[in-house]
Amino acid sequence: MNKNKVAVTFEIEADQRDWLEQKAEAYNLSDAAKALRVLLDFAMVDGDDKAIFETIRCTRC
């Protein structure tokens, strides 16, 4: 297991934080930060960059 974690600061919307916290609880993860790391790992390994970054999903525009 890679233990090279670094502390970073991100700004996200309150509902995004709530969703991460819900997923952490639902999947018995330690916290929302772990849920975010799971998402990042998935995107880095199995994600489709075009689908992730070129598909417009602006829910706050």
PDB file of N, CA and C in Angstrom:
ATOM      1  N   MET A   1       0.836  -1.176   0.000  1.00  0.00           N
ATOM      2  CA  MET A   1       0.000   0.000   0.000  1.00  0.00           C
ATOM      3  C   MET A   1       0.881   1.239   0.000  1.00  0.00           C
ATOM      4  N   ASN A   2       0.586   2.172  -0.898  1.00  0.00           N
ATOM      5  CA  ASN A   2       1.359   3.389  -1.033  1.00  0.00           C
ATOM      6  C   ASN A   2       1.013   4.362   0.087  1.00  0.00           C
ATOM      7  N   LYS A   3       1.996   4.769   0.832  1.00  0.00           N
ATOM      8  CA  LYS A   3       1.781   5.701   1.945  1.00  0.00           C
ATOM      9  C   LYS A   3       2.399   7.063   1.646  1.00  0.00           C
ATOM     10  N   ASN A   4       2.369   7.492   0.402  1.00  0.00           N
ATOM     11  CA  ASN A   4       2.928   8.779   0.017  1.00  0.00           C
ATOM     12  C   ASN A   4       1.858   9.856  -0.042  1.00  0.00           C
ATOM     13  N   LYS A   5       0.945   9.849   0.890  1.00  0.00           N
ATOM     14  CA  LYS A   5      -0.135  10.823   0.895  1.00  0.00           C
ATOM     15  C   LYS A   5       0.423  12.198   1.211  1.00  0.00           C
ATOM     16  N   VAL A   6      -0.148  13.189   0.559  1.00  0.00           N
ATOM     17  CA  VAL A   6       0.194  14.581   0.831  1.00  0.00           C
ATOM     18  C   VAL A   6      -1.092  15.330   1.134  1.00  0.00           C
ATOM     19  N   ALA A   7      -1.011  16.306   1.992  1.00  0.00           N
ATOM     20  CA  ALA A   7      -2.174  17.124   2.316  1.00  0.00           C
ATOM     21  C   ALA A   7      -2.340  18.192   1.244  1.00  0.00           C
ATOM     22  N   VAL A   8      -3.536  18.297   0.720  1.00  0.00           N
ATOM     23  CA  VAL A   8      -3.861  19.321  -0.268  1.00  0.00           C
ATOM     24  C   VAL A   8      -5.198  19.952   0.111  1.00  0.00           C
ATOM     25  N   THR A   9      -5.451  21.105  -0.450  1.00  0.00           N
ATOM     26  CA  THR A   9      -6.719  21.780  -0.209  1.00  0.00           C
ATOM     27  C   THR A   9      -7.456  21.919  -1.527  1.00  0.00           C
ATOM     28  N   PHE A  10      -8.719  21.493  -1.538  1.00  0.00           N
ATOM     29  CA  PHE A  10      -9.585  21.630  -2.705  1.00  0.00           C
ATOM     30  C   PHE A  10     -10.825  22.394  -2.289  1.00  0.00           C
ATOM     31  N   GLU A  11     -11.369  23.158  -3.213  1.00  0.00           N
ATOM     32  CA  GLU A  11     -12.669  23.756  -2.979  1.00  0.00           C
ATOM     33  C   GLU A  11     -13.693  22.956  -3.758  1.00  0.00           C
ATOM     34  N   ILE A  12     -14.682  22.444  -3.052  1.00  0.00           N
ATOM     35  CA  ILE A  12     -15.784  21.725  -3.681  1.00  0.00           C
ATOM     36  C   ILE A  12     -17.080  22.283  -3.115  1.00  0.00           C
ATOM     37  N   GLU A  13     -18.163  21.996  -3.772  1.00  0.00           N
ATOM     38  CA  GLU A  13     -19.473  22.456  -3.319  1.00  0.00           C
ATOM     39  C   GLU A  13     -19.920  21.613  -2.124  1.00  0.00           C
ATOM     40  N   ALA A  14     -20.792  22.181  -1.318  1.00  0.00           N
ATOM     41  CA  ALA A  14     -21.272  21.493  -0.117  1.00  0.00           C
ATOM     42  C   ALA A  14     -21.950  20.175  -0.467  1.00  0.00           C
ATOM     43  N   ASP A  15     -22.723  20.143  -1.563  1.00  0.00           N
ATOM     44  CA  ASP A  15     -23.403  18.898  -1.917  1.00  0.00           C
ATOM     45  C   ASP A  15     -22.410  17.834  -2.386  1.00  0.00           C
ATOM     46  N   GLN A  16     -21.287  18.256  -2.961  1.00  0.00           N
ATOM     47  CA  GLN A  16     -20.254  17.302  -3.356  1.00  0.00           C
ATOM     48  C   GLN A  16     -19.608  16.686  -2.120  1.00  0.00           C
ATOM     49  N   ARG A  17     -19.320  17.522  -1.120  1.00  0.00           N
ATOM     50  CA  ARG A  17     -18.793  17.021   0.155  1.00  0.00           C
ATOM     51  C   ARG A  17     -19.774  16.040   0.798  1.00  0.00           C
ATOM     52  N   ASP A  18     -21.054  16.418   0.799  1.00  0.00           N
ATOM     53  CA  ASP A  18     -22.076  15.548   1.384  1.00  0.00           C
ATOM     54  C   ASP A  18     -22.114  14.204   0.667  1.00  0.00           C
ATOM     55  N   TRP A  19     -22.019  14.227  -0.665  1.00  0.00           N
ATOM     56  CA  TRP A  19     -22.050  12.998  -1.451  1.00  0.00           C
ATOM     57  C   TRP A  19     -20.854  12.114  -1.126  1.00  0.00           C
ATOM     58  N   LEU A  20     -19.662  12.717  -1.035  1.00  0.00           N
ATOM     59  CA  LEU A  20     -18.467  11.954  -0.668  1.00  0.00           C
ATOM     60  C   LEU A  20     -18.624  11.333   0.713  1.00  0.00           C
ATOM     61  N   GLU A  21     -19.168  12.085   1.654  1.00  0.00           N
ATOM     62  CA  GLU A  21     -19.384  11.557   2.997  1.00  0.00           C
ATOM     63  C   GLU A  21     -20.393  10.410   2.986  1.00  0.00           C
ATOM     64  N   GLN A  22     -21.443  10.539   2.190  1.00  0.00           N
ATOM     65  CA  GLN A  22     -22.440   9.466   2.065  1.00  0.00           C
ATOM     66  C   GLN A  22     -21.812   8.203   1.485  1.00  0.00           C
ATOM     67  N   LYS A  23     -20.987   8.363   0.474  1.00  0.00           N
ATOM     68  CA  LYS A  23     -20.333   7.195  -0.140  1.00  0.00           C
ATOM     69  C   LYS A  23     -19.354   6.552   0.835  1.00  0.00           C
ATOM     70  N   ALA A  24     -18.632   7.361   1.587  1.00  0.00           N
ATOM     71  CA  ALA A  24     -17.704   6.821   2.581  1.00  0.00           C
ATOM     72  C   ALA A  24     -18.461   5.977   3.593  1.00  0.00           C
ATOM     73  N   GLU A  25     -19.597   6.484   4.048  1.00  0.00           N
ATOM     74  CA  GLU A  25     -20.392   5.724   5.015  1.00  0.00           C
ATOM     75  C   GLU A  25     -20.990   4.469   4.385  1.00  0.00           C
ATOM     76  N   ALA A  26     -21.548   4.602   3.197  1.00  0.00           N
ATOM     77  CA  ALA A  26     -22.204   3.476   2.531  1.00  0.00           C
ATOM     78  C   ALA A  26     -21.235   2.335   2.234  1.00  0.00           C
ATOM     79  N   TYR A  27     -19.976   2.660   1.937  1.00  0.00           N
ATOM     80  CA  TYR A  27     -19.002   1.648   1.563  1.00  0.00           C
ATOM     81  C   TYR A  27     -17.961   1.402   2.645  1.00  0.00           C
ATOM     82  N   ASN A  28     -18.277   1.851   3.860  1.00  0.00           N
ATOM     83  CA  ASN A  28     -17.432   1.591   5.025  1.00  0.00           C
ATOM     84  C   ASN A  28     -15.991   2.071   4.807  1.00  0.00           C
ATOM     85  N   LEU A  29     -15.872   3.272   4.233  1.00  0.00           N
ATOM     86  CA  LEU A  29     -14.560   3.887   4.049  1.00  0.00           C
ATOM     87  C   LEU A  29     -14.281   4.768   5.257  1.00  0.00           C
ATOM     88  N   SER A  30     -13.041   5.071   5.497  1.00  0.00           N
ATOM     89  CA  SER A  30     -12.679   5.817   6.702  1.00  0.00           C
ATOM     90  C   SER A  30     -13.238   7.230   6.726  1.00  0.00           C
ATOM     91  N   ASP A  31     -13.327   7.882   5.563  1.00  0.00           N
ATOM     92  CA  ASP A  31     -13.835   9.255   5.528  1.00  0.00           C
ATOM     93  C   ASP A  31     -14.020   9.700   4.077  1.00  0.00           C
ATOM     94  N   ALA A  32     -14.464  10.937   3.910  1.00  0.00           N
ATOM     95  CA  ALA A  32     -14.703  11.478   2.574  1.00  0.00           C
ATOM     96  C   ALA A  32     -13.413  11.558   1.759  1.00  0.00           C
ATOM     97  N   ALA A  33     -12.294  11.806   2.428  1.00  0.00           N
ATOM     98  CA  ALA A  33     -11.016  11.865   1.716  1.00  0.00           C
ATOM     99  C   ALA A  33     -10.698  10.517   1.070  1.00  0.00           C
ATOM    100  N   LYS A  34     -11.003   9.436   1.762  1.00  0.00           N
ATOM    101  CA  LYS A  34     -10.781   8.097   1.194  1.00  0.00           C
ATOM    102  C   LYS A  34     -11.696   7.885  -0.003  1.00  0.00           C
ATOM    103  N   ALA A  35     -12.937   8.341   0.089  1.00  0.00           N
ATOM    104  CA  ALA A  35     -13.860   8.213  -1.041  1.00  0.00           C
ATOM    105  C   ALA A  35     -13.320   8.969  -2.251  1.00  0.00           C
ATOM    106  N   LEU A  36     -12.762  10.148  -2.024  1.00  0.00           N
ATOM    107  CA  LEU A  36     -12.179  10.913  -3.118  1.00  0.00           C
ATOM    108  C   LEU A  36     -10.977  10.194  -3.711  1.00  0.00           C
ATOM    109  N   ARG A  37     -10.129   9.609  -2.865  1.00  0.00           N
ATOM    110  CA  ARG A  37      -8.969   8.858  -3.372  1.00  0.00           C
ATOM    111  C   ARG A  37      -9.413   7.649  -4.202  1.00  0.00           C
ATOM    112  N   VAL A  38     -10.477   6.988  -3.789  1.00  0.00           N
ATOM    113  CA  VAL A  38     -11.013   5.856  -4.562  1.00  0.00           C
ATOM    114  C   VAL A  38     -11.430   6.344  -5.951  1.00  0.00           C
ATOM    115  N   LEU A  39     -12.137   7.462  -5.993  1.00  0.00           N
ATOM    116  CA  LEU A  39     -12.568   8.015  -7.279  1.00  0.00           C
ATOM    117  C   LEU A  39     -11.378   8.387  -8.157  1.00  0.00           C
ATOM    118  N   LEU A  40     -10.387   9.018  -7.568  1.00  0.00           N
ATOM    119  CA  LEU A  40      -9.202   9.413  -8.334  1.00  0.00           C
ATOM    120  C   LEU A  40      -8.447   8.200  -8.862  1.00  0.00           C
ATOM    121  N   ASP A  41      -8.288   7.185  -8.016  1.00  0.00           N
ATOM    122  CA  ASP A  41      -7.607   5.965  -8.465  1.00  0.00           C
ATOM    123  C   ASP A  41      -8.351   5.331  -9.634  1.00  0.00           C
ATOM    124  N   PHE A  42      -9.684   5.276  -9.545  1.00  0.00           N
ATOM    125  CA  PHE A  42     -10.475   4.700 -10.630  1.00  0.00           C
ATOM    126  C   PHE A  42     -10.289   5.509 -11.908  1.00  0.00           C
ATOM    127  N   ALA A  43     -10.396   6.825 -11.797  1.00  0.00           N
ATOM    128  CA  ALA A  43     -10.256   7.680 -12.979  1.00  0.00           C
ATOM    129  C   ALA A  43      -8.875   7.549 -13.601  1.00  0.00           C
ATOM    130  N   MET A  44      -7.849   7.452 -12.770  1.00  0.00           N
ATOM    131  CA  MET A  44      -6.479   7.352 -13.275  1.00  0.00           C
ATOM    132  C   MET A  44      -6.213   6.031 -13.994  1.00  0.00           C
ATOM    133  N   VAL A  45      -6.826   4.950 -13.520  1.00  0.00           N
ATOM    134  CA  VAL A  45      -6.551   3.626 -14.088  1.00  0.00           C
ATOM    135  C   VAL A  45      -7.560   3.247 -15.166  1.00  0.00           C
ATOM    136  N   ASP A  46      -8.841   3.412 -14.873  1.00  0.00           N
ATOM    137  CA  ASP A  46      -9.883   2.923 -15.774  1.00  0.00           C
ATOM    138  C   ASP A  46     -10.709   4.017 -16.426  1.00  0.00           C
ATOM    139  N   GLY A  47     -10.462   5.257 -16.060  1.00  0.00           N
ATOM    140  CA  GLY A  47     -11.276   6.343 -16.575  1.00  0.00           C
ATOM    141  C   GLY A  47     -10.990   6.667 -18.024  1.00  0.00           C
ATOM    142  N   ASP A  48     -11.993   7.177 -18.683  1.00  0.00           N
ATOM    143  CA  ASP A  48     -11.876   7.634 -20.060  1.00  0.00           C
ATOM    144  C   ASP A  48     -11.701   9.157 -19.995  1.00  0.00           C
ATOM    145  N   ASP A  49     -10.491   9.634 -20.238  1.00  0.00           N
ATOM    146  CA  ASP A  49     -10.204  11.054 -20.102  1.00  0.00           C
ATOM    147  C   ASP A  49     -11.174  11.929 -20.901  1.00  0.00           C
ATOM    148  N   LYS A  50     -11.486  11.522 -22.123  1.00  0.00           N
ATOM    149  CA  LYS A  50     -12.417  12.303 -22.936  1.00  0.00           C
ATOM    150  C   LYS A  50     -13.785  12.372 -22.265  1.00  0.00           C
ATOM    151  N   ALA A  51     -14.269  11.250 -21.798  1.00  0.00           N
ATOM    152  CA  ALA A  51     -15.582  11.227 -21.155  1.00  0.00           C
ATOM    153  C   ALA A  51     -15.578  12.056 -19.876  1.00  0.00           C
ATOM    154  N   ILE A  52     -14.477  12.031 -19.157  1.00  0.00           N
ATOM    155  CA  ILE A  52     -14.393  12.763 -17.894  1.00  0.00           C
ATOM    156  C   ILE A  52     -14.246  14.259 -18.123  1.00  0.00           C
ATOM    157  N   PHE A  53     -13.342  14.661 -19.011  1.00  0.00           N
ATOM    158  CA  PHE A  53     -12.986  16.065 -19.117  1.00  0.00           C
ATOM    159  C   PHE A  53     -13.601  16.815 -20.291  1.00  0.00           C
ATOM    160  N   GLU A  54     -14.146  16.098 -21.266  1.00  0.00           N
ATOM    161  CA  GLU A  54     -14.714  16.791 -22.428  1.00  0.00           C
ATOM    162  C   GLU A  54     -16.227  16.759 -22.444  1.00  0.00           C
ATOM    163  N   THR A  55     -16.847  15.973 -21.599  1.00  0.00           N
ATOM    164  CA  THR A  55     -18.291  15.929 -21.520  1.00  0.00           C
ATOM    165  C   THR A  55     -18.751  17.034 -20.576  1.00  0.00           C
ATOM    166  N   ILE A  56     -19.610  17.901 -21.050  1.00  0.00           N
ATOM    167  CA  ILE A  56     -20.072  19.015 -20.233  1.00  0.00           C
ATOM    168  C   ILE A  56     -21.151  18.531 -19.279  1.00  0.00           C
ATOM    169  N   ARG A  57     -20.903  18.726 -17.975  1.00  0.00           N
ATOM    170  CA  ARG A  57     -21.851  18.321 -16.946  1.00  0.00           C
ATOM    171  C   ARG A  57     -22.091  19.457 -15.962  1.00  0.00           C
ATOM    172  N   CYS A  58     -22.036  20.658 -16.403  1.00  0.00           N
ATOM    173  CA  CYS A  58     -22.133  21.796 -15.497  1.00  0.00           C
ATOM    174  C   CYS A  58     -23.524  21.851 -14.862  1.00  0.00           C
ATOM    175  N   THR A  59     -23.580  21.486 -13.594  1.00  0.00           N
ATOM    176  CA  THR A  59     -24.850  21.526 -12.872  1.00  0.00           C
ATOM    177  C   THR A  59     -25.006  22.837 -12.114  1.00  0.00           C
ATOM    178  N   ARG A  60     -24.011  23.702 -12.215  1.00  0.00           N
ATOM    179  CA  ARG A  60     -24.054  24.969 -11.480  1.00  0.00           C
ATOM    180  C   ARG A  60     -23.883  26.184 -12.384  1.00  0.00           C
ATOM    181  N   CYS A  61     -23.977  25.993 -13.691  1.00  0.00           N
ATOM    182  CA  CYS A  61     -23.791  27.110 -14.633  1.00  0.00           C
ATOM    183  C   CYS A  61     -25.000  28.023 -14.664  1.00  0.00           C
TER     184      CYS A  61
END
